[in-house]
Amino acid sequence: MKSWTSLAFAALALFVSVALTHAPAHAQSGAPDQTVTLTKGTPVYLQLTRALSSDVHDEGDQVYLAVTRPVKVDGYVVIPEGAPAVGRVTEVRRAEHEGKAGFIQFKVVSVTAEGNVNVFLGSGMESATGEDSETSTTIFGMGCCPFLLFARGDEASYPVGTEAEAFVAEDVSFPVQGLKRE
């Protein structure tokens, strides 16, 4: 009876040692590979890091922004405050004579998240219009001062620090290893 018990114990010890030798590293450490998912529709708050103006920029120009609040998933920071983001100018109209105001519009395209992951963003169009003095210029210009017809409207502009909001366009998974937890 003792020999059967000894033999069974030896077989069990051999089985366990073989199983541990061939087990994946994360199973040995007890720390499975974990990920967190940044879900579609999550808001990302940004601000312009360079000014935009309808008299300087053209359609297609790149817009530079930075994240103003960290984006967290389950307590892990996946997009840190200050992370760079880019957008594109989608429409520009220069200010014109007769007091017609300038116009500029842009949309946010993507942000660089932890691990150098490019996260695509969707946003409504952000737009600005300059001061329009078209009506008063036309009325007064025709009657008393024809030179007012050559007065230009104001250019549209966004100063540095202008805030914008965008939303994550698709789910993105991040391994938790290396992410800061807050």
Foldseek 3Di string as FASTA:
>chain_A
DVVVVVVVVVVVVVVVVVCQVPDDPCVNVVHDFDKFKDAWFAKFKKWFQAKDWLVPDDFFDKTKIFTQCFDDTPQWGFAHGGWIWIKTWHDWDPWFFLQRKIKTKIWTFWTQTPPRDTFGWGFDIDMWIFAGPNVVLVVCCVPPNVVSSRDTHYITMDHTGHMGMITGHHMDMDGRVPTDGD
